[in-house]
Amino acid sequence: MIRGRVMGEVWATKKAPRLAGRKLILVAETCITAGAERPTGRVVVATDLLDAARGDTVVVAFGSGARNAECPGSRDVLVDAAVVQIVDGSSTPGAD
């Protein structure tokens, strides 16, 4: 899983039928160094299960975790990354 910030949305007029009705978003991975959130340069496309908005901090699951979040128990879901949490806050060890 990664923590990241929603940058925007991805849309298409043609897509795989199993993705019909799915919202896809761009998420910029972030890390926390010296108490500040910084982008790593990695950007992923993820299905948005929670209706995240631009600027929201989110947690993205990958692989089987993303597929199980999208459709529990299914092995034939066309998803490799899914937003599974909108972050309200977090703490950093050692920060006061």
C-alpha atoms as a PDB file:
ATOM      1  CA  MET A   1       0.000   0.000   0.000  1.00  0.00           C
ATOM      2  CA  ILE A   2       1.009   3.589  -0.499  1.00  0.00           C
ATOM      3  CA  ARG A   3      -0.101   6.925   0.858  1.00  0.00           C
ATOM      4  CA  GLY A   4      -0.708   9.605  -1.745  1.00  0.00           C
ATOM      5  CA  ARG A   5      -2.579  12.714  -2.805  1.00  0.00           C
ATOM      6  CA  VAL A   6      -5.324  12.731  -5.435  1.00  0.00           C
ATOM      7  CA  MET A   7      -4.197  14.773  -8.460  1.00  0.00           C
ATOM      8  CA  GLY A   8      -7.167  14.325 -10.761  1.00  0.00           C
ATOM      9  CA  GLU A   9      -9.377  11.960 -12.674  1.00  0.00           C
ATOM     10  CA  VAL A  10      -8.888   9.693 -15.714  1.00  0.00           C
ATOM     11  CA  TRP A  11     -11.709   9.098 -18.197  1.00  0.00           C
ATOM     12  CA  ALA A  12     -12.146   7.314 -21.502  1.00  0.00           C
ATOM     13  CA  THR A  13     -14.833   6.852 -24.126  1.00  0.00           C
ATOM     14  CA  LYS A  14     -13.748   3.232 -24.659  1.00  0.00           C
ATOM     15  CA  LYS A  15     -12.720   0.882 -21.870  1.00  0.00           C
ATOM     16  CA  ALA A  16     -12.918  -2.761 -20.853  1.00  0.00           C
ATOM     17  CA  PRO A  17     -16.536  -3.698 -20.104  1.00  0.00           C
ATOM     18  CA  ARG A  18     -15.651  -4.794 -16.542  1.00  0.00           C
ATOM     19  CA  LEU A  19     -14.525  -1.217 -15.807  1.00  0.00           C
ATOM     20  CA  ALA A  20     -17.906   0.285 -16.737  1.00  0.00           C
ATOM     21  CA  GLY A  21     -19.118   2.591 -13.987  1.00  0.00           C
ATOM     22  CA  ARG A  22     -15.741   2.677 -12.245  1.00  0.00           C
ATOM     23  CA  LYS A  23     -14.139   6.049 -11.459  1.00  0.00           C
ATOM     24  CA  LEU A  24     -10.376   6.126 -12.076  1.00  0.00           C
ATOM     25  CA  ILE A  25      -8.150   8.691 -10.394  1.00  0.00           C
ATOM     26  CA  LEU A  26      -4.511   9.771 -10.518  1.00  0.00           C
ATOM     27  CA  VAL A  27      -2.713   9.479  -7.182  1.00  0.00           C
ATOM     28  CA  ALA A  28       0.735  10.970  -6.533  1.00  0.00           C
ATOM     29  CA  GLU A  29       2.617   8.869  -3.983  1.00  0.00           C
ATOM     30  CA  THR A  30       3.919  10.818  -0.984  1.00  0.00           C
ATOM     31  CA  CYS A  31       6.316  10.145   1.861  1.00  0.00           C
ATOM     32  CA  ILE A  32       6.860  11.960   5.130  1.00  0.00           C
ATOM     33  CA  THR A  33      10.371  13.209   5.790  1.00  0.00           C
ATOM     34  CA  ALA A  34      11.394  15.687   8.459  1.00  0.00           C
ATOM     35  CA  GLY A  35       7.729  15.984   9.447  1.00  0.00           C
ATOM     36  CA  ALA A  36       6.627  17.189   5.995  1.00  0.00           C
ATOM     37  CA  GLU A  37       4.701  15.367   3.273  1.00  0.00           C
ATOM     38  CA  ARG A  38       6.656  15.265   0.008  1.00  0.00           C
ATOM     39  CA  PRO A  39       5.881  13.701  -3.395  1.00  0.00           C
ATOM     40  CA  THR A  40       8.091  10.779  -4.447  1.00  0.00           C
ATOM     41  CA  GLY A  41       7.532  11.327  -8.182  1.00  0.00           C
ATOM     42  CA  ARG A  42       5.516   8.120  -8.613  1.00  0.00           C
ATOM     43  CA  VAL A  43       1.962   8.500  -9.962  1.00  0.00           C
ATOM     44  CA  VAL A  44      -0.539   5.634 -10.147  1.00  0.00           C
ATOM     45  CA  VAL A  45      -4.017   5.186 -11.602  1.00  0.00           C
ATOM     46  CA  ALA A  46      -6.417   3.628  -9.085  1.00  0.00           C
ATOM     47  CA  THR A  47     -10.108   2.816  -8.946  1.00  0.00           C
ATOM     48  CA  ASP A  48     -11.872   5.134  -6.537  1.00  0.00           C
ATOM     49  CA  LEU A  49     -14.151   3.160  -4.222  1.00  0.00           C
ATOM     50  CA  LEU A  50     -14.720   6.072  -1.817  1.00  0.00           C
ATOM     51  CA  ASP A  51     -15.372   9.112  -4.040  1.00  0.00           C
ATOM     52  CA  ALA A  52     -12.119  10.862  -3.141  1.00  0.00           C
ATOM     53  CA  ALA A  53     -11.682  14.452  -4.292  1.00  0.00           C
ATOM     54  CA  ARG A  54      -8.708  16.290  -5.758  1.00  0.00           C
ATOM     55  CA  GLY A  55      -6.280  17.144  -2.954  1.00  0.00           C
ATOM     56  CA  ASP A  56      -7.462  14.346  -0.618  1.00  0.00           C
ATOM     57  CA  THR A  57      -4.806  12.200   1.031  1.00  0.00           C
ATOM     58  CA  VAL A  58      -5.603   8.537   0.381  1.00  0.00           C
ATOM     59  CA  VAL A  59      -4.268   5.032   0.911  1.00  0.00           C
ATOM     60  CA  VAL A  60      -4.009   2.865  -2.213  1.00  0.00           C
ATOM     61  CA  ALA A  61      -3.907  -0.943  -2.074  1.00  0.00           C
ATOM     62  CA  PHE A  62      -2.339  -2.972  -4.883  1.00  0.00           C
ATOM     63  CA  GLY A  63      -2.697  -6.468  -6.341  1.00  0.00           C
ATOM     64  CA  SER A  64      -4.935  -8.927  -4.513  1.00  0.00           C
ATOM     65  CA  GLY A  65      -5.687  -6.319  -1.835  1.00  0.00           C
ATOM     66  CA  ALA A  66      -7.088  -3.983  -4.490  1.00  0.00           C
ATOM     67  CA  ARG A  67      -9.079  -6.778  -6.129  1.00  0.00           C
ATOM     68  CA  ASN A  68     -10.555  -7.857  -2.786  1.00  0.00           C
ATOM     69  CA  ALA A  69     -11.493  -4.268  -1.946  1.00  0.00           C
ATOM     70  CA  GLU A  70     -13.195  -3.933  -5.338  1.00  0.00           C
ATOM     71  CA  CYS A  71     -14.948  -7.313  -5.347  1.00  0.00           C
ATOM     72  CA  PRO A  72     -14.286  -9.581  -2.319  1.00  0.00           C
ATOM     73  CA  GLY A  73     -13.477 -13.180  -3.234  1.00  0.00           C
ATOM     74  CA  SER A  74     -13.185 -12.570  -6.969  1.00  0.00           C
ATOM     75  CA  ARG A  75     -10.016 -13.441  -8.863  1.00  0.00           C
ATOM     76  CA  ASP A  76     -11.148 -12.099 -12.242  1.00  0.00           C
ATOM     77  CA  VAL A  77     -11.446  -8.386 -11.482  1.00  0.00           C
ATOM     78  CA  LEU A  78      -9.555  -6.048 -13.802  1.00  0.00           C
ATOM     79  CA  VAL A  79      -8.060  -3.880 -11.033  1.00  0.00           C
ATOM     80  CA  ASP A  80      -4.500  -3.621  -9.737  1.00  0.00           C
ATOM     81  CA  ALA A  81      -4.796  -0.462  -7.585  1.00  0.00           C
ATOM     82  CA  ALA A  82      -7.736   0.791  -5.511  1.00  0.00           C
ATOM     83  CA  VAL A  83      -8.307   3.642  -3.053  1.00  0.00           C
ATOM     84  CA  VAL A  84      -9.211   1.952   0.228  1.00  0.00           C
ATOM     85  CA  GLN A  85      -9.011   4.878   2.679  1.00  0.00           C
ATOM     86  CA  ILE A  86      -9.356   8.658   2.723  1.00  0.00           C
ATOM     87  CA  VAL A  87      -6.939   9.834   5.413  1.00  0.00           C
ATOM     88  CA  ASP A  88      -8.280  12.220   8.056  1.00  0.00           C
ATOM     89  CA  GLY A  89      -5.008  12.377   9.985  1.00  0.00           C
ATOM     90  CA  SER A  90      -1.922  10.455  11.044  1.00  0.00           C
ATOM     91  CA  SER A  91       0.948  10.647  13.482  1.00  0.00           C
ATOM     92  CA  THR A  92       4.649  10.411  12.823  1.00  0.00           C
ATOM     93  CA  PRO A  93       6.855   8.595  15.345  1.00  0.00           C
ATOM     94  CA  GLY A  94       9.172  11.021  17.106  1.00  0.00           C
ATOM     95  CA  ALA A  95       7.136  14.111  16.180  1.00  0.00           C
ATOM     96  CA  ASP A  96       5.758  16.285  18.963  1.00  0.00           C
END
